[in-house]
Amino acid sequence: MTVRVSRIYGMDIYNDEGKFLGKVQEVVVDLEKGEVVRILTEPLSSISKEDAKRVLRDKSVLYKYVKSVEDVVMVSKAGEKGK
């Protein structure tokens, strides 16, 4: 699946059971591989290191769990935040 990263920002995120998980606020990209690693539902800017760890742990989804990106971002239930 190929999508421009800029298109993902602000999209709603739902799991495959229709549960709303949040809106895409940030995207983490592995620049060496040229691929998205995570999508976050809270921004990382202007927060402490501890808060950044919390956001990455509890308020993000590994991109490997993304099933589709169309009008919304659909992720498998296994990829829900905090799992």
N, C-alpha and C. Protein backbone atom coordinates (compact mmCIF):
# COMPACT_ATOMS: atom_id res chain seq x y z
N MET A 1 0.85 -1.17 0.00
CA MET A 1 0.00 0.00 0.00
C MET A 1 0.90 1.23 0.00
N THR A 2 0.68 2.12 -0.94
CA THR A 2 1.46 3.34 -1.05
C THR A 2 0.54 4.55 -0.90
N VAL A 3 0.86 5.40 0.08
CA VAL A 3 0.07 6.59 0.36
C VAL A 3 1.03 7.70 0.75
N ARG A 4 0.76 8.90 0.34
CA ARG A 4 1.58 10.04 0.79
C ARG A 4 1.34 10.24 2.28
N VAL A 5 2.43 10.43 3.02
CA VAL A 5 2.33 10.62 4.47
C VAL A 5 1.47 11.84 4.79
N SER A 6 1.58 12.89 4.02
CA SER A 6 0.81 14.11 4.29
C SER A 6 -0.69 13.86 4.22
N ARG A 7 -1.12 12.87 3.46
CA ARG A 7 -2.54 12.55 3.33
C ARG A 7 -3.11 11.91 4.61
N ILE A 8 -2.26 11.26 5.38
CA ILE A 8 -2.70 10.53 6.57
C ILE A 8 -3.04 11.45 7.73
N TYR A 9 -2.35 12.60 7.83
CA TYR A 9 -2.56 13.50 8.97
C TYR A 9 -4.02 13.91 9.08
N GLY A 10 -4.56 13.83 10.30
CA GLY A 10 -5.92 14.24 10.57
C GLY A 10 -6.97 13.17 10.29
N MET A 11 -6.57 12.05 9.70
CA MET A 11 -7.53 10.98 9.41
C MET A 11 -7.97 10.29 10.69
N ASP A 12 -9.22 9.84 10.69
CA ASP A 12 -9.72 9.04 11.80
C ASP A 12 -9.12 7.65 11.73
N ILE A 13 -8.87 7.06 12.91
CA ILE A 13 -8.35 5.70 13.00
C ILE A 13 -9.41 4.82 13.66
N TYR A 14 -9.74 3.72 13.00
CA TYR A 14 -10.72 2.75 13.52
C TYR A 14 -10.10 1.37 13.51
N ASN A 15 -10.52 0.53 14.49
CA ASN A 15 -10.09 -0.87 14.41
C ASN A 15 -11.06 -1.61 13.50
N ASP A 16 -10.77 -2.87 13.23
CA ASP A 16 -11.59 -3.63 12.29
C ASP A 16 -12.95 -4.03 12.85
N GLU A 17 -13.24 -3.65 14.10
CA GLU A 17 -14.56 -3.85 14.68
C GLU A 17 -15.36 -2.55 14.71
N GLY A 18 -14.79 -1.47 14.15
CA GLY A 18 -15.48 -0.20 14.06
C GLY A 18 -15.28 0.73 15.25
N LYS A 19 -14.38 0.38 16.17
CA LYS A 19 -14.11 1.23 17.34
C LYS A 19 -13.20 2.38 16.93
N PHE A 20 -13.60 3.61 17.27
CA PHE A 20 -12.80 4.80 16.99
C PHE A 20 -11.62 4.85 17.95
N LEU A 21 -10.40 4.99 17.41
CA LEU A 21 -9.20 5.02 18.23
C LEU A 21 -8.59 6.40 18.36
N GLY A 22 -8.96 7.33 17.47
CA GLY A 22 -8.43 8.68 17.51
C GLY A 22 -8.15 9.19 16.11
N LYS A 23 -7.48 10.34 16.05
CA LYS A 23 -7.08 10.95 14.78
C LYS A 23 -5.57 10.93 14.67
N VAL A 24 -5.07 10.79 13.46
CA VAL A 24 -3.62 10.78 13.23
C VAL A 24 -3.09 12.19 13.50
N GLN A 25 -2.20 12.30 14.50
CA GLN A 25 -1.58 13.57 14.85
C GLN A 25 -0.12 13.63 14.41
N GLU A 26 0.55 12.49 14.45
CA GLU A 26 1.97 12.41 14.09
C GLU A 26 2.22 11.10 13.36
N VAL A 27 3.26 11.07 12.56
CA VAL A 27 3.68 9.87 11.85
C VAL A 27 5.17 9.70 12.09
N VAL A 28 5.57 8.50 12.52
CA VAL A 28 6.98 8.19 12.75
C VAL A 28 7.48 7.41 11.55
N VAL A 29 8.54 7.93 10.92
CA VAL A 29 9.09 7.34 9.70
C VAL A 29 10.51 6.85 9.95
N ASP A 30 10.82 5.65 9.51
CA ASP A 30 12.19 5.13 9.52
C ASP A 30 12.83 5.64 8.23
N LEU A 31 13.69 6.63 8.35
CA LEU A 31 14.29 7.27 7.17
C LEU A 31 15.25 6.34 6.44
N GLU A 32 15.89 5.43 7.14
CA GLU A 32 16.80 4.51 6.48
C GLU A 32 16.05 3.53 5.58
N LYS A 33 14.90 3.07 6.04
CA LYS A 33 14.09 2.13 5.25
C LYS A 33 13.08 2.83 4.36
N GLY A 34 12.80 4.10 4.68
CA GLY A 34 11.82 4.84 3.90
C GLY A 34 10.40 4.36 4.10
N GLU A 35 10.07 3.98 5.34
CA GLU A 35 8.72 3.49 5.62
C GLU A 35 8.18 4.02 6.94
N VAL A 36 6.87 4.09 7.01
CA VAL A 36 6.19 4.52 8.23
C VAL A 36 6.28 3.40 9.26
N VAL A 37 6.59 3.76 10.50
CA VAL A 37 6.72 2.78 11.58
C VAL A 37 5.51 2.85 12.51
N ARG A 38 5.07 4.05 12.86
CA ARG A 38 3.96 4.25 13.79
C ARG A 38 3.12 5.43 13.36
N ILE A 39 1.85 5.39 13.77
CA ILE A 39 1.00 6.57 13.69
C ILE A 39 0.54 6.88 15.11
N LEU A 40 0.56 8.16 15.47
CA LEU A 40 0.26 8.59 16.83
C LEU A 40 -1.01 9.41 16.88
N THR A 41 -1.75 9.27 17.98
CA THR A 41 -2.98 10.03 18.16
C THR A 41 -2.77 11.26 19.04
N GLU A 42 -1.53 11.47 19.47
CA GLU A 42 -1.17 12.68 20.21
C GLU A 42 0.15 13.19 19.64
N PRO A 43 0.32 14.50 19.56
CA PRO A 43 1.58 15.04 19.04
C PRO A 43 2.73 14.85 20.03
N LEU A 44 3.93 14.74 19.49
CA LEU A 44 5.13 14.59 20.33
C LEU A 44 5.83 15.91 20.60
N SER A 45 5.45 16.96 19.91
CA SER A 45 6.15 18.23 20.06
C SER A 45 5.91 18.85 21.44
N SER A 46 6.94 19.45 21.97
CA SER A 46 6.89 20.19 23.23
C SER A 46 6.42 19.37 24.42
N ILE A 47 6.86 18.10 24.49
CA ILE A 47 6.53 17.29 25.67
C ILE A 47 7.81 16.70 26.23
N SER A 48 7.74 16.25 27.47
CA SER A 48 8.92 15.68 28.12
C SER A 48 9.23 14.30 27.57
N LYS A 49 10.41 13.82 27.90
CA LYS A 49 10.83 12.49 27.46
C LYS A 49 9.89 11.41 28.00
N GLU A 50 9.46 11.56 29.25
CA GLU A 50 8.56 10.59 29.87
C GLU A 50 7.19 10.59 29.17
N ASP A 51 6.68 11.80 28.86
CA ASP A 51 5.41 11.89 28.15
C ASP A 51 5.52 11.31 26.74
N ALA A 52 6.66 11.52 26.10
CA ALA A 52 6.87 10.95 24.76
C ALA A 52 6.83 9.43 24.82
N LYS A 53 7.45 8.85 25.84
CA LYS A 53 7.40 7.39 26.01
C LYS A 53 5.97 6.91 26.20
N ARG A 54 5.18 7.65 26.99
CA ARG A 54 3.78 7.29 27.23
C ARG A 54 2.98 7.35 25.93
N VAL A 55 3.18 8.40 25.16
CA VAL A 55 2.46 8.54 23.89
C VAL A 55 2.82 7.39 22.96
N LEU A 56 4.11 7.08 22.84
CA LEU A 56 4.53 5.99 21.97
C LEU A 56 3.97 4.64 22.44
N ARG A 57 3.84 4.47 23.74
CA ARG A 57 3.33 3.21 24.29
C ARG A 57 1.82 3.12 24.23
N ASP A 58 1.13 4.21 24.63
CA ASP A 58 -0.32 4.14 24.82
C ASP A 58 -1.16 4.84 23.76
N LYS A 59 -0.56 5.72 23.00
CA LYS A 59 -1.33 6.55 22.07
C LYS A 59 -0.84 6.40 20.63
N SER A 60 -0.35 5.21 20.31
CA SER A 60 0.15 5.00 18.95
C SER A 60 -0.23 3.61 18.46
N VAL A 61 -0.11 3.44 17.16
CA VAL A 61 -0.39 2.16 16.52
C VAL A 61 0.79 1.84 15.61
N LEU A 62 1.31 0.63 15.73
CA LEU A 62 2.36 0.20 14.81
C LEU A 62 1.78 0.13 13.41
N TYR A 63 2.49 0.66 12.45
CA TYR A 63 1.96 0.72 11.09
C TYR A 63 1.78 -0.66 10.48
N LYS A 64 2.49 -1.66 10.99
CA LYS A 64 2.33 -3.01 10.45
C LYS A 64 0.91 -3.55 10.68
N TYR A 65 0.16 -2.93 11.61
CA TYR A 65 -1.22 -3.35 11.86
C TYR A 65 -2.25 -2.60 11.02
N VAL A 66 -1.80 -1.64 10.22
CA VAL A 66 -2.72 -0.91 9.36
C VAL A 66 -3.16 -1.82 8.23
N LYS A 67 -4.49 -1.95 8.09
CA LYS A 67 -5.04 -2.81 7.05
C LYS A 67 -5.36 -2.01 5.78
N SER A 68 -5.80 -0.76 5.95
CA SER A 68 -6.09 0.07 4.78
C SER A 68 -6.09 1.54 5.16
N VAL A 69 -5.82 2.36 4.16
CA VAL A 69 -5.88 3.81 4.30
C VAL A 69 -6.70 4.31 3.12
N GLU A 70 -7.93 4.64 3.38
CA GLU A 70 -8.82 5.18 2.34
C GLU A 70 -9.39 6.49 2.88
N ASP A 71 -10.67 6.48 3.27
CA ASP A 71 -11.28 7.64 3.90
C ASP A 71 -10.91 7.71 5.37
N VAL A 72 -10.58 6.55 5.95
CA VAL A 72 -10.12 6.44 7.34
C VAL A 72 -8.95 5.47 7.35
N VAL A 73 -8.24 5.43 8.48
CA VAL A 73 -7.18 4.44 8.68
C VAL A 73 -7.81 3.27 9.43
N MET A 74 -7.75 2.08 8.85
CA MET A 74 -8.31 0.89 9.46
C MET A 74 -7.16 0.01 9.95
N VAL A 75 -7.20 -0.35 11.25
CA VAL A 75 -6.16 -1.20 11.82
C VAL A 75 -6.78 -2.46 12.38
N SER A 76 -5.98 -3.51 12.46
CA SER A 76 -6.47 -4.74 13.08
C SER A 76 -6.58 -4.51 14.59
N LYS A 77 -7.48 -5.22 15.22
CA LYS A 77 -7.71 -5.06 16.66
C LYS A 77 -6.42 -5.28 17.45
N ALA A 78 -5.57 -6.17 16.96
CA ALA A 78 -4.29 -6.44 17.64
C ALA A 78 -3.40 -5.21 17.69
N GLY A 79 -3.63 -4.25 16.78
CA GLY A 79 -2.80 -3.06 16.73
C GLY A 79 -3.32 -1.89 17.52
N GLU A 80 -4.38 -2.08 18.30
CA GLU A 80 -4.93 -0.98 19.09
C GLU A 80 -3.88 -0.41 20.03
N LYS A 81 -4.04 0.87 20.37
CA LYS A 81 -3.13 1.55 21.28
C LYS A 81 -2.97 0.74 22.58
N GLY A 82 -1.76 0.66 23.05
CA GLY A 82 -1.50 0.01 24.32
C GLY A 82 -1.45 -1.50 24.23
N LYS A 83 -1.51 -2.10 23.07
CA LYS A 83 -1.47 -3.57 22.96
C LYS A 83 -0.16 -4.00 22.37
